[in-house]
């Protein structure tokens, strides 16, 4: 699955099916844009690249990150899905954590009607 597909499916779980659109945002290979309540302009959203977006996504969808430094991996679980999503940390455990959160959220979004 591409990063765009992951972000779009995660955005479906976070915003709903029609609450966002894809755009080529500056500094990223792309991102989701949405208009928050009370504003008249788009805001960029990319939990693959932004720690704050990833944390808000995890909290809203009740995704729990668990970092296992002994195995140099990170795993996340979500209350509404059985699977655990694991990423190898490599040199960047923050990026691995964000990606695992987005993968779990994408699964939630994919399962939505």
PDB file of N, CA and C in Angstrom:
ATOM      1  N   UNK A   1       0.847  -1.172   0.000  1.00  0.00           N
ATOM      2  CA  UNK A   1       0.000   0.000   0.000  1.00  0.00           C
ATOM      3  C   UNK A   1       0.898   1.243   0.000  1.00  0.00           C
ATOM      4  N   UNK A   2       0.548   2.211  -0.816  1.00  0.00           N
ATOM      5  CA  UNK A   2       1.341   3.443  -0.900  1.00  0.00           C
ATOM      6  C   UNK A   2       1.048   4.349   0.297  1.00  0.00           C
ATOM      7  N   UNK A   3       1.924   5.330   0.513  1.00  0.00           N
ATOM      8  CA  UNK A   3       1.686   6.306   1.585  1.00  0.00           C
ATOM      9  C   UNK A   3       0.378   7.055   1.356  1.00  0.00           C
ATOM     10  N   UNK A   4       0.096   7.385   0.112  1.00  0.00           N
ATOM     11  CA  UNK A   4      -1.150   8.093  -0.182  1.00  0.00           C
ATOM     12  C   UNK A   4      -2.361   7.240   0.210  1.00  0.00           C
ATOM     13  N   UNK A   5      -2.350   5.965  -0.145  1.00  0.00           N
ATOM     14  CA  UNK A   5      -3.458   5.077   0.218  1.00  0.00           C
ATOM     15  C   UNK A   5      -3.595   4.953   1.732  1.00  0.00           C
ATOM     16  N   UNK A   6      -2.452   4.832   2.423  1.00  0.00           N
ATOM     17  CA  UNK A   6      -2.487   4.772   3.886  1.00  0.00           C
ATOM     18  C   UNK A   6      -3.115   6.022   4.472  1.00  0.00           C
ATOM     19  N   UNK A   7      -2.659   7.195   4.000  1.00  0.00           N
ATOM     20  CA  UNK A   7      -3.180   8.457   4.522  1.00  0.00           C
ATOM     21  C   UNK A   7      -4.663   8.634   4.209  1.00  0.00           C
ATOM     22  N   UNK A   8      -5.088   8.270   3.000  1.00  0.00           N
ATOM     23  CA  UNK A   8      -6.491   8.423   2.640  1.00  0.00           C
ATOM     24  C   UNK A   8      -7.389   7.517   3.484  1.00  0.00           C
ATOM     25  N   UNK A   9      -6.960   6.289   3.715  1.00  0.00           N
ATOM     26  CA  UNK A   9      -7.761   5.382   4.528  1.00  0.00           C
ATOM     27  C   UNK A   9      -7.760   5.809   5.995  1.00  0.00           C
ATOM     28  N   UNK A  10      -6.616   6.281   6.499  1.00  0.00           N
ATOM     29  CA  UNK A  10      -6.560   6.788   7.872  1.00  0.00           C
ATOM     30  C   UNK A  10      -7.435   8.031   8.008  1.00  0.00           C
ATOM     31  N   UNK A  11      -7.430   8.895   6.987  1.00  0.00           N
ATOM     32  CA  UNK A  11      -8.255  10.100   7.007  1.00  0.00           C
ATOM     33  C   UNK A  11      -9.737   9.746   6.997  1.00  0.00           C
ATOM     34  N   UNK A  12     -10.115   8.687   6.313  1.00  0.00           N
ATOM     35  CA  UNK A  12     -11.507   8.242   6.331  1.00  0.00           C
ATOM     36  C   UNK A  12     -11.922   7.891   7.754  1.00  0.00           C
ATOM     37  N   UNK A  13     -11.044   7.213   8.482  1.00  0.00           N
ATOM     38  CA  UNK A  13     -11.352   6.860   9.879  1.00  0.00           C
ATOM     39  C   UNK A  13     -11.386   8.103  10.759  1.00  0.00           C
ATOM     40  N   UNK A  14     -10.541   9.070  10.489  1.00  0.00           N
ATOM     41  CA  UNK A  14     -10.414  10.260  11.335  1.00  0.00           C
ATOM     42  C   UNK A  14     -11.465  11.327  11.025  1.00  0.00           C
ATOM     43  N   UNK A  15     -11.659  11.633   9.731  1.00  0.00           N
ATOM     44  CA  UNK A  15     -12.531  12.732   9.320  1.00  0.00           C
ATOM     45  C   UNK A  15     -13.899  12.285   8.820  1.00  0.00           C
ATOM     46  N   UNK A  16     -14.014  11.023   8.438  1.00  0.00           N
ATOM     47  CA  UNK A  16     -15.202  10.571   7.724  1.00  0.00           C
ATOM     48  C   UNK A  16     -14.890  10.543   6.236  1.00  0.00           C
ATOM     49  N   UNK A  17     -15.744   9.918   5.467  1.00  0.00           N
ATOM     50  CA  UNK A  17     -15.459   9.668   4.046  1.00  0.00           C
ATOM     51  C   UNK A  17     -15.343  10.933   3.205  1.00  0.00           C
ATOM     52  N   UNK A  18     -16.030  12.006   3.562  1.00  0.00           N
ATOM     53  CA  UNK A  18     -16.039  13.193   2.717  1.00  0.00           C
ATOM     54  C   UNK A  18     -15.423  14.422   3.372  1.00  0.00           C
ATOM     55  N   UNK A  19     -14.712  14.254   4.473  1.00  0.00           N
ATOM     56  CA  UNK A  19     -14.224  15.401   5.226  1.00  0.00           C
ATOM     57  C   UNK A  19     -12.838  15.885   4.861  1.00  0.00           C
ATOM     58  N   UNK A  20     -12.274  15.409   3.722  1.00  0.00           N
ATOM     59  CA  UNK A  20     -10.897  15.752   3.387  1.00  0.00           C
ATOM     60  C   UNK A  20     -10.677  15.611   1.887  1.00  0.00           C
ATOM     61  N   UNK A  21      -9.512  16.083   1.436  1.00  0.00           N
ATOM     62  CA  UNK A  21      -9.093  15.834   0.059  1.00  0.00           C
ATOM     63  C   UNK A  21      -7.577  15.697   0.014  1.00  0.00           C
ATOM     64  N   UNK A  22      -7.065  15.010  -1.016  1.00  0.00           N
ATOM     65  CA  UNK A  22      -5.636  14.797  -1.205  1.00  0.00           C
ATOM     66  C   UNK A  22      -5.046  16.012  -1.915  1.00  0.00           C
ATOM     67  N   UNK A  23      -3.808  16.376  -1.548  1.00  0.00           N
ATOM     68  CA  UNK A  23      -3.130  17.466  -2.222  1.00  0.00           C
ATOM     69  C   UNK A  23      -1.634  17.225  -2.145  1.00  0.00           C
ATOM     70  N   UNK A  24      -0.878  17.826  -3.042  1.00  0.00           N
ATOM     71  CA  UNK A  24       0.586  17.747  -2.973  1.00  0.00           C
ATOM     72  C   UNK A  24       1.068  18.916  -2.128  1.00  0.00           C
ATOM     73  N   UNK A  25       1.256  18.677  -0.859  1.00  0.00           N
ATOM     74  CA  UNK A  25       1.620  19.729   0.100  1.00  0.00           C
ATOM     75  C   UNK A  25       3.121  19.971   0.083  1.00  0.00           C
ATOM     76  N   UNK A  26       3.505  21.175   0.370  1.00  0.00           N
ATOM     77  CA  UNK A  26       4.922  21.553   0.385  1.00  0.00           C
ATOM     78  C   UNK A  26       5.686  20.725   1.412  1.00  0.00           C
ATOM     79  N   UNK A  27       6.844  20.225   1.005  1.00  0.00           N
ATOM     80  CA  UNK A  27       7.708  19.514   1.930  1.00  0.00           C
ATOM     81  C   UNK A  27       7.369  18.044   2.112  1.00  0.00           C
ATOM     82  N   UNK A  28       6.276  17.582   1.533  1.00  0.00           N
ATOM     83  CA  UNK A  28       5.872  16.181   1.650  1.00  0.00           C
ATOM     84  C   UNK A  28       5.672  15.621   0.254  1.00  0.00           C
ATOM     85  N   UNK A  29       5.578  14.308   0.162  1.00  0.00           N
ATOM     86  CA  UNK A  29       5.200  13.704  -1.107  1.00  0.00           C
ATOM     87  C   UNK A  29       3.709  13.899  -1.338  1.00  0.00           C
ATOM     88  N   UNK A  30       3.012  14.372  -0.326  1.00  0.00           N
ATOM     89  CA  UNK A  30       1.593  14.670  -0.399  1.00  0.00           C
ATOM     90  C   UNK A  30       1.010  14.653   0.993  1.00  0.00           C
ATOM     91  N   UNK A  31      -0.188  15.199   1.134  1.00  0.00           N
ATOM     92  CA  UNK A  31      -0.837  15.187   2.430  1.00  0.00           C
ATOM     93  C   UNK A  31      -2.336  15.331   2.250  1.00  0.00           C
ATOM     94  N   UNK A  32      -3.041  15.151   3.312  1.00  0.00           N
ATOM     95  CA  UNK A  32      -4.473  15.351   3.353  1.00  0.00           C
ATOM     96  C   UNK A  32      -4.713  16.806   3.728  1.00  0.00           C
ATOM     97  N   UNK A  33      -5.722  17.415   3.139  1.00  0.00           N
ATOM     98  CA  UNK A  33      -6.126  18.758   3.536  1.00  0.00           C
ATOM     99  C   UNK A  33      -7.577  18.710   3.984  1.00  0.00           C
ATOM    100  N   UNK A  34      -7.897  19.472   5.004  1.00  0.00           N
ATOM    101  CA  UNK A  34      -9.269  19.547   5.496  1.00  0.00           C
ATOM    102  C   UNK A  34      -9.537  20.956   5.997  1.00  0.00           C
ATOM    103  N   UNK A  35     -10.806  21.292   6.125  1.00  0.00           N
ATOM    104  CA  UNK A  35     -11.193  22.593   6.654  1.00  0.00           C
ATOM    105  C   UNK A  35     -11.781  22.377   8.044  1.00  0.00           C
ATOM    106  N   UNK A  36     -11.083  22.802   9.099  1.00  0.00           N
ATOM    107  CA  UNK A  36     -11.604  22.631  10.457  1.00  0.00           C
ATOM    108  C   UNK A  36     -12.848  23.488  10.680  1.00  0.00           C
ATOM    109  N   UNK A  37     -13.663  23.069  11.621  1.00  0.00           N
ATOM    110  CA  UNK A  37     -14.852  23.848  11.976  1.00  0.00           C
ATOM    111  C   UNK A  37     -14.456  25.265  12.334  1.00  0.00           C
ATOM    112  N   UNK A  38     -15.180  26.229  11.790  1.00  0.00           N
ATOM    113  CA  UNK A  38     -14.946  27.627  12.124  1.00  0.00           C
ATOM    114  C   UNK A  38     -13.919  28.319  11.254  1.00  0.00           C
ATOM    115  N   UNK A  39     -13.193  27.581  10.409  1.00  0.00           N
ATOM    116  CA  UNK A  39     -12.207  28.195   9.523  1.00  0.00           C
ATOM    117  C   UNK A  39     -12.697  28.148   8.085  1.00  0.00           C
ATOM    118  N   UNK A  40     -12.088  28.960   7.244  1.00  0.00           N
ATOM    119  CA  UNK A  40     -12.477  28.992   5.834  1.00  0.00           C
ATOM    120  C   UNK A  40     -11.342  28.559   4.913  1.00  0.00           C
ATOM    121  N   UNK A  41     -10.259  28.052   5.472  1.00  0.00           N
ATOM    122  CA  UNK A  41      -9.134  27.618   4.644  1.00  0.00           C
ATOM    123  C   UNK A  41      -8.703  26.203   5.040  1.00  0.00           C
ATOM    124  N   UNK A  42      -8.006  25.565   4.117  1.00  0.00           N
ATOM    125  CA  UNK A  42      -7.541  24.201   4.354  1.00  0.00           C
ATOM    126  C   UNK A  42      -6.376  24.169   5.333  1.00  0.00           C
ATOM    127  N   UNK A  43      -6.289  23.087   6.070  1.00  0.00           N
ATOM    128  CA  UNK A  43      -5.181  22.804   6.981  1.00  0.00           C
ATOM    129  C   UNK A  43      -4.565  21.479   6.529  1.00  0.00           C
ATOM    130  N   UNK A  44      -3.230  21.402   6.534  1.00  0.00           N
ATOM    131  CA  UNK A  44      -2.546  20.175   6.131  1.00  0.00           C
ATOM    132  C   UNK A  44      -2.545  19.170   7.268  1.00  0.00           C
ATOM    133  N   UNK A  45      -2.662  17.888   6.916  1.00  0.00           N
ATOM    134  CA  UNK A  45      -2.695  16.795   7.890  1.00  0.00           C
ATOM    135  C   UNK A  45      -1.882  15.645   7.329  1.00  0.00           C
ATOM    136  N   UNK A  46      -0.809  15.272   8.011  1.00  0.00           N
ATOM    137  CA  UNK A  46       0.015  14.152   7.569  1.00  0.00           C
ATOM    138  C   UNK A  46       0.606  13.454   8.788  1.00  0.00           C
ATOM    139  N   UNK A  47      -0.106  12.492   9.355  1.00  0.00           N
ATOM    140  CA  UNK A  47       0.401  11.793  10.536  1.00  0.00           C
ATOM    141  C   UNK A  47       1.617  10.904  10.255  1.00  0.00           C
ATOM    142  N   UNK A  48       1.956  10.691   8.990  1.00  0.00           N
ATOM    143  CA  UNK A  48       3.200   9.978   8.687  1.00  0.00           C
ATOM    144  C   UNK A  48       4.412  10.864   8.944  1.00  0.00           C
ATOM    145  N   UNK A  49       4.219  12.184   8.880  1.00  0.00           N
ATOM    146  CA  UNK A  49       5.334  13.122   9.026  1.00  0.00           C
ATOM    147  C   UNK A  49       5.235  14.001  10.259  1.00  0.00           C
ATOM    148  N   UNK A  50       4.049  14.116  10.860  1.00  0.00           N
ATOM    149  CA  UNK A  50       3.828  15.063  11.955  1.00  0.00           C
ATOM    150  C   UNK A  50       3.438  14.316  13.228  1.00  0.00           C
ATOM    151  N   UNK A  51       4.263  14.475  14.285  1.00  0.00           N
ATOM    152  CA  UNK A  51       3.998  13.791  15.556  1.00  0.00           C
ATOM    153  C   UNK A  51       2.641  14.173  16.144  1.00  0.00           C
ATOM    154  N   UNK A  52       2.285  15.455  16.078  1.00  0.00           N
ATOM    155  CA  UNK A  52       1.015  15.916  16.640  1.00  0.00           C
ATOM    156  C   UNK A  52      -0.175  15.300  15.920  1.00  0.00           C
ATOM    157  N   UNK A  53      -0.127  15.262  14.578  1.00  0.00           N
ATOM    158  CA  UNK A  53      -1.204  14.632  13.815  1.00  0.00           C
ATOM    159  C   UNK A  53      -1.316  13.151  14.170  1.00  0.00           C
ATOM    160  N   UNK A  54      -0.172  12.481  14.305  1.00  0.00           N
ATOM    161  CA  UNK A  54      -0.185  11.051  14.644  1.00  0.00           C
ATOM    162  C   UNK A  54      -0.764  10.822  16.044  1.00  0.00           C
ATOM    163  N   UNK A  55      -0.409  11.673  17.003  1.00  0.00           N
ATOM    164  CA  UNK A  55      -0.932  11.506  18.361  1.00  0.00           C
ATOM    165  C   UNK A  55      -2.441  11.744  18.394  1.00  0.00           C
ATOM    166  N   UNK A  56      -2.902  12.798  17.715  1.00  0.00           N
ATOM    167  CA  UNK A  56      -4.350  13.059  17.679  1.00  0.00           C
ATOM    168  C   UNK A  56      -5.091  11.908  17.015  1.00  0.00           C
ATOM    169  N   UNK A  57      -4.517  11.335  15.973  1.00  0.00           N
ATOM    170  CA  UNK A  57      -5.111  10.185  15.295  1.00  0.00           C
ATOM    171  C   UNK A  57      -5.195   8.992  16.245  1.00  0.00           C
ATOM    172  N   UNK A  58      -4.107   8.715  16.948  1.00  0.00           N
ATOM    173  CA  UNK A  58      -4.084   7.592  17.891  1.00  0.00           C
ATOM    174  C   UNK A  58      -5.113   7.772  19.003  1.00  0.00           C
ATOM    175  N   UNK A  59      -5.204   8.977  19.551  1.00  0.00           N
ATOM    176  CA  UNK A  59      -6.142   9.231  20.650  1.00  0.00           C
ATOM    177  C   UNK A  59      -7.580   9.087  20.173  1.00  0.00           C
ATOM    178  N   UNK A  60      -7.911   9.707  19.041  1.00  0.00           N
ATOM    179  CA  UNK A  60      -9.292   9.662  18.551  1.00  0.00           C
ATOM    180  C   UNK A  60      -9.737   8.237  18.246  1.00  0.00           C
ATOM    181  N   UNK A  61      -8.826   7.426  17.693  1.00  0.00           N
ATOM    182  CA  UNK A  61      -9.187   6.065  17.293  1.00  0.00           C
ATOM    183  C   UNK A  61      -8.825   5.027  18.353  1.00  0.00           C
ATOM    184  N   UNK A  62      -8.351   5.503  19.514  1.00  0.00           N
ATOM    185  CA  UNK A  62      -7.989   4.623  20.623  1.00  0.00           C
ATOM    186  C   UNK A  62      -6.946   3.570  20.216  1.00  0.00           C
ATOM    187  N   UNK A  63      -5.913   4.071  19.553  1.00  0.00           N
ATOM    188  CA  UNK A  63      -4.781   3.246  19.142  1.00  0.00           C
ATOM    189  C   UNK A  63      -3.691   3.425  20.180  1.00  0.00           C
ATOM    190  N   UNK A  64      -3.163   2.320  20.693  1.00  0.00           N
ATOM    191  CA  UNK A  64      -2.172   2.369  21.768  1.00  0.00           C
ATOM    192  C   UNK A  64      -0.794   1.967  21.244  1.00  0.00           C
ATOM    193  N   UNK A  65       0.162   2.904  21.197  1.00  0.00           N
ATOM    194  CA  UNK A  65       1.522   2.541  20.788  1.00  0.00           C
ATOM    195  C   UNK A  65       2.269   1.861  21.936  1.00  0.00           C
ATOM    196  N   UNK A  66       3.046   0.873  21.594  1.00  0.00           N
ATOM    197  CA  UNK A  66       3.919   0.199  22.557  1.00  0.00           C
ATOM    198  C   UNK A  66       5.288   0.054  21.904  1.00  0.00           C
ATOM    199  N   UNK A  67       6.265   0.721  22.459  1.00  0.00           N
ATOM    200  CA  UNK A  67       7.609   0.666  21.899  1.00  0.00           C
ATOM    201  C   UNK A  67       8.384  -0.443  22.593  1.00  0.00           C
ATOM    202  N   UNK A  68       8.935  -1.344  21.804  1.00  0.00           N
ATOM    203  CA  UNK A  68       9.723  -2.462  22.315  1.00  0.00           C
ATOM    204  C   UNK A  68      11.170  -2.247  21.896  1.00  0.00           C
ATOM    205  N   UNK A  69      11.912  -1.499  22.693  1.00  0.00           N
ATOM    206  CA  UNK A  69      13.268  -1.143  22.312  1.00  0.00           C
ATOM    207  C   UNK A  69      14.216  -2.339  22.298  1.00  0.00           C
ATOM    208  N   UNK A  70      13.901  -3.367  23.058  1.00  0.00           N
ATOM    209  CA  UNK A  70      14.778  -4.536  23.052  1.00  0.00           C
ATOM    210  C   UNK A  70      14.791  -5.197  21.679  1.00  0.00           C
ATOM    211  N   UNK A  71      13.644  -5.193  21.015  1.00  0.00           N
ATOM    212  CA  UNK A  71      13.566  -5.783  19.688  1.00  0.00           C
ATOM    213  C   UNK A  71      13.682  -4.752  18.588  1.00  0.00           C
ATOM    214  N   UNK A  72      13.906  -3.500  18.961  1.00  0.00           N
ATOM    215  CA  UNK A  72      14.033  -2.410  18.011  1.00  0.00           C
ATOM    216  C   UNK A  72      12.830  -2.316  17.082  1.00  0.00           C
ATOM    217  N   UNK A  73      11.649  -2.448  17.673  1.00  0.00           N
ATOM    218  CA  UNK A  73      10.435  -2.312  16.888  1.00  0.00           C
ATOM    219  C   UNK A  73       9.391  -1.578  17.717  1.00  0.00           C
ATOM    220  N   UNK A  74       8.341  -1.159  17.044  1.00  0.00           N
ATOM    221  CA  UNK A  74       7.215  -0.521  17.712  1.00  0.00           C
ATOM    222  C   UNK A  74       5.965  -1.240  17.230  1.00  0.00           C
ATOM    223  N   UNK A  75       5.032  -1.454  18.134  1.00  0.00           N
ATOM    224  CA  UNK A  75       3.766  -2.088  17.778  1.00  0.00           C
ATOM    225  C   UNK A  75       2.641  -1.222  18.296  1.00  0.00           C
ATOM    226  N   UNK A  76       1.546  -1.186  17.563  1.00  0.00           N
ATOM    227  CA  UNK A  76       0.365  -0.473  18.023  1.00  0.00           C
ATOM    228  C   UNK A  76      -0.826  -1.413  17.952  1.00  0.00           C
ATOM    229  N   UNK A  77      -1.777  -1.189  18.837  1.00  0.00           N
ATOM    230  CA  UNK A  77      -3.023  -1.942  18.800  1.00  0.00           C
ATOM    231  C   UNK A  77      -4.174  -0.953  18.876  1.00  0.00           C
ATOM    232  N   UNK A  78      -5.287  -1.327  18.289  1.00  0.00           N
ATOM    233  CA  UNK A  78      -6.494  -0.512  18.343  1.00  0.00           C
ATOM    234  C   UNK A  78      -7.597  -1.338  18.986  1.00  0.00           C
ATOM    235  N   UNK A  79      -8.426  -0.702  19.790  1.00  0.00           N
ATOM    236  CA  UNK A  79      -9.467  -1.417  20.511  1.00  0.00           C
ATOM    237  C   UNK A  79     -10.438  -2.121  19.587  1.00  0.00           C
ATOM    238  N   UNK A  80     -10.707  -1.557  18.411  1.00  0.00           N
ATOM    239  CA  UNK A  80     -11.746  -2.122  17.560  1.00  0.00           C
ATOM    240  C   UNK A  80     -11.214  -3.102  16.521  1.00  0.00           C
ATOM    241  N   UNK A  81      -9.903  -3.330  16.482  1.00  0.00           N
ATOM    242  CA  UNK A  81      -9.359  -4.332  15.569  1.00  0.00           C
ATOM    243  C   UNK A  81      -8.458  -5.273  16.349  1.00  0.00           C
ATOM    244  N   UNK A  82      -8.378  -6.489  15.876  1.00  0.00           N
ATOM    245  CA  UNK A  82      -7.629  -7.513  16.597  1.00  0.00           C
ATOM    246  C   UNK A  82      -6.143  -7.455  16.272  1.00  0.00           C
ATOM    247  N   UNK A  83      -5.814  -7.105  15.054  1.00  0.00           N
ATOM    248  CA  UNK A  83      -4.419  -7.141  14.613  1.00  0.00           C
ATOM    249  C   UNK A  83      -3.564  -6.089  15.297  1.00  0.00           C
ATOM    250  N   UNK A  84      -2.296  -6.410  15.422  1.00  0.00           N
ATOM    251  CA  UNK A  84      -1.295  -5.467  15.893  1.00  0.00           C
ATOM    252  C   UNK A  84      -0.441  -5.101  14.689  1.00  0.00           C
ATOM    253  N   UNK A  85      -0.033  -3.852  14.593  1.00  0.00           N
ATOM    254  CA  UNK A  85       0.776  -3.380  13.474  1.00  0.00           C
ATOM    255  C   UNK A  85       2.158  -3.032  13.993  1.00  0.00           C
ATOM    256  N   UNK A  86       3.166  -3.676  13.437  1.00  0.00           N
ATOM    257  CA  UNK A  86       4.533  -3.527  13.916  1.00  0.00           C
ATOM    258  C   UNK A  86       5.409  -2.934  12.825  1.00  0.00           C
ATOM    259  N   UNK A  87       6.264  -2.017  13.209  1.00  0.00           N
ATOM    260  CA  UNK A  87       7.250  -1.417  12.310  1.00  0.00           C
ATOM    261  C   UNK A  87       8.617  -1.561  12.954  1.00  0.00           C
ATOM    262  N   UNK A  88       9.633  -1.819  12.157  1.00  0.00           N
ATOM    263  CA  UNK A  88      11.014  -1.843  12.636  1.00  0.00           C
ATOM    264  C   UNK A  88      11.469  -0.390  12.795  1.00  0.00           C
ATOM    265  N   UNK A  89      12.066  -0.081  13.933  1.00  0.00           N
ATOM    266  CA  UNK A  89      12.442   1.305  14.220  1.00  0.00           C
ATOM    267  C   UNK A  89      13.573   1.815  13.344  1.00  0.00           C
ATOM    268  N   UNK A  90      14.571   1.011  13.102  1.00  0.00           N
ATOM    269  CA  UNK A  90      15.715   1.507  12.348  1.00  0.00           C
ATOM    270  C   UNK A  90      16.350   2.679  13.064  1.00  0.00           C
ATOM    271  N   UNK A  91      16.640   3.739  12.331  1.00  0.00           N
ATOM    272  CA  UNK A  91      17.269   4.927  12.907  1.00  0.00           C
ATOM    273  C   UNK A  91      16.263   5.921  13.472  1.00  0.00           C
ATOM    274  N   UNK A  92      14.974   5.696  13.236  1.00  0.00           N
ATOM    275  CA  UNK A  92      13.978   6.695  13.616  1.00  0.00           C
ATOM    276  C   UNK A  92      12.751   6.034  14.233  1.00  0.00           C
ATOM    277  N   UNK A  93      12.787   5.855  15.551  1.00  0.00           N
ATOM    278  CA  UNK A  93      11.643   5.207  16.205  1.00  0.00           C
ATOM    279  C   UNK A  93      10.384   6.067  16.169  1.00  0.00           C
ATOM    280  N   UNK A  94      10.531   7.381  16.048  1.00  0.00           N
ATOM    281  CA  UNK A  94       9.354   8.258  15.942  1.00  0.00           C
ATOM    282  C   UNK A  94       8.636   8.020  14.611  1.00  0.00           C
ATOM    283  N   UNK A  95       9.390   7.917  13.523  1.00  0.00           N
ATOM    284  CA  UNK A  95       8.787   7.651  12.211  1.00  0.00           C
ATOM    285  C   UNK A  95       8.133   6.273  12.194  1.00  0.00           C
ATOM    286  N   UNK A  96       8.770   5.289  12.813  1.00  0.00           N
ATOM    287  CA  UNK A  96       8.190   3.953  12.874  1.00  0.00           C
ATOM    288  C   UNK A  96       6.893   3.958  13.675  1.00  0.00           C
ATOM    289  N   UNK A  97       6.852   4.711  14.767  1.00  0.00           N
ATOM    290  CA  UNK A  97       5.644   4.806  15.581  1.00  0.00           C
ATOM    291  C   UNK A  97       4.524   5.479  14.801  1.00  0.00           C
ATOM    292  N   UNK A  98       4.833   6.573  14.123  1.00  0.00           N
ATOM    293  CA  UNK A  98       3.817   7.254  13.315  1.00  0.00           C
ATOM    294  C   UNK A  98       3.264   6.331  12.239  1.00  0.00           C
ATOM    295  N   UNK A  99       4.148   5.608  11.559  1.00  0.00           N
ATOM    296  CA  UNK A  99       3.711   4.709  10.481  1.00  0.00           C
ATOM    297  C   UNK A  99       2.842   3.582  11.034  1.00  0.00           C
ATOM    298  N   UNK A 100       3.198   3.019  12.165  1.00  0.00           N
ATOM    299  CA  UNK A 100       2.381   1.948  12.755  1.00  0.00           C
ATOM    300  C   UNK A 100       0.998   2.471  13.131  1.00  0.00           C
ATOM    301  N   UNK A 101       0.935   3.681  13.667  1.00  0.00           N
ATOM    302  CA  UNK A 101      -0.361   4.296  14.003  1.00  0.00           C
ATOM    303  C   UNK A 101      -1.198   4.489  12.739  1.00  0.00           C
ATOM    304  N   UNK A 102      -0.581   5.005  11.688  1.00  0.00           N
ATOM    305  CA  UNK A 102      -1.307   5.241  10.439  1.00  0.00           C
ATOM    306  C   UNK A 102      -1.772   3.922   9.826  1.00  0.00           C
ATOM    307  N   UNK A 103      -0.950   2.892   9.900  1.00  0.00           N
ATOM    308  CA  UNK A 103      -1.365   1.583   9.370  1.00  0.00           C
ATOM    309  C   UNK A 103      -2.590   1.052  10.106  1.00  0.00           C
ATOM    310  N   UNK A 104      -2.610   1.178  11.441  1.00  0.00           N
ATOM    311  CA  UNK A 104      -3.772   0.730  12.209  1.00  0.00           C
ATOM    312  C   UNK A 104      -5.001   1.567  11.863  1.00  0.00           C
ATOM    313  N   UNK A 105      -4.821   2.885  11.755  1.00  0.00           N
ATOM    314  CA  UNK A 105      -5.939   3.772  11.411  1.00  0.00           C
ATOM    315  C   UNK A 105      -6.453   3.469  10.002  1.00  0.00           C
ATOM    316  N   UNK A 106      -5.543   3.183   9.085  1.00  0.00           N
ATOM    317  CA  UNK A 106      -5.952   2.852   7.716  1.00  0.00           C
ATOM    318  C   UNK A 106      -6.815   1.587   7.685  1.00  0.00           C
ATOM    319  N   UNK A 107      -6.480   0.637   8.511  1.00  0.00           N
ATOM    320  CA  UNK A 107      -7.299  -0.579   8.595  1.00  0.00           C
ATOM    321  C   UNK A 107      -8.690  -0.257   9.118  1.00  0.00           C
ATOM    322  N   UNK A 108      -8.782   0.631  10.090  1.00  0.00           N
ATOM    323  CA  UNK A 108     -10.083   1.056  10.603  1.00  0.00           C
ATOM    324  C   UNK A 108     -10.867   1.770   9.497  1.00  0.00           C
ATOM    325  N   UNK A 109     -10.204   2.668   8.780  1.00  0.00           N
ATOM    326  CA  UNK A 109     -10.854   3.392   7.689  1.00  0.00           C
ATOM    327  C   UNK A 109     -11.289   2.482   6.558  1.00  0.00           C
ATOM    328  N   UNK A 110     -10.465   1.491   6.247  1.00  0.00           N
ATOM    329  CA  UNK A 110     -10.790   0.535   5.177  1.00  0.00           C
ATOM    330  C   UNK A 110     -12.037  -0.265   5.518  1.00  0.00           C
ATOM    331  N   UNK A 111     -12.225  -0.546   6.797  1.00  0.00           N
ATOM    332  CA  UNK A 111     -13.366  -1.361   7.236  1.00  0.00           C
ATOM    333  C   UNK A 111     -14.659  -0.553   7.354  1.00  0.00           C
ATOM    334  N   UNK A 112     -14.564   0.769   7.237  1.00  0.00           N
ATOM    335  CA  UNK A 112     -15.765   1.605   7.387  1.00  0.00           C
ATOM    336  C   UNK A 112     -16.642   1.487   6.142  1.00  0.00           C
ATOM    337  N   UNK A 113     -17.970   1.557   6.319  1.00  0.00           N
ATOM    338  CA  UNK A 113     -18.872   1.452   5.162  1.00  0.00           C
ATOM    339  C   UNK A 113     -18.805   2.673   4.268  1.00  0.00           C
TER     340      UNK A 113
END
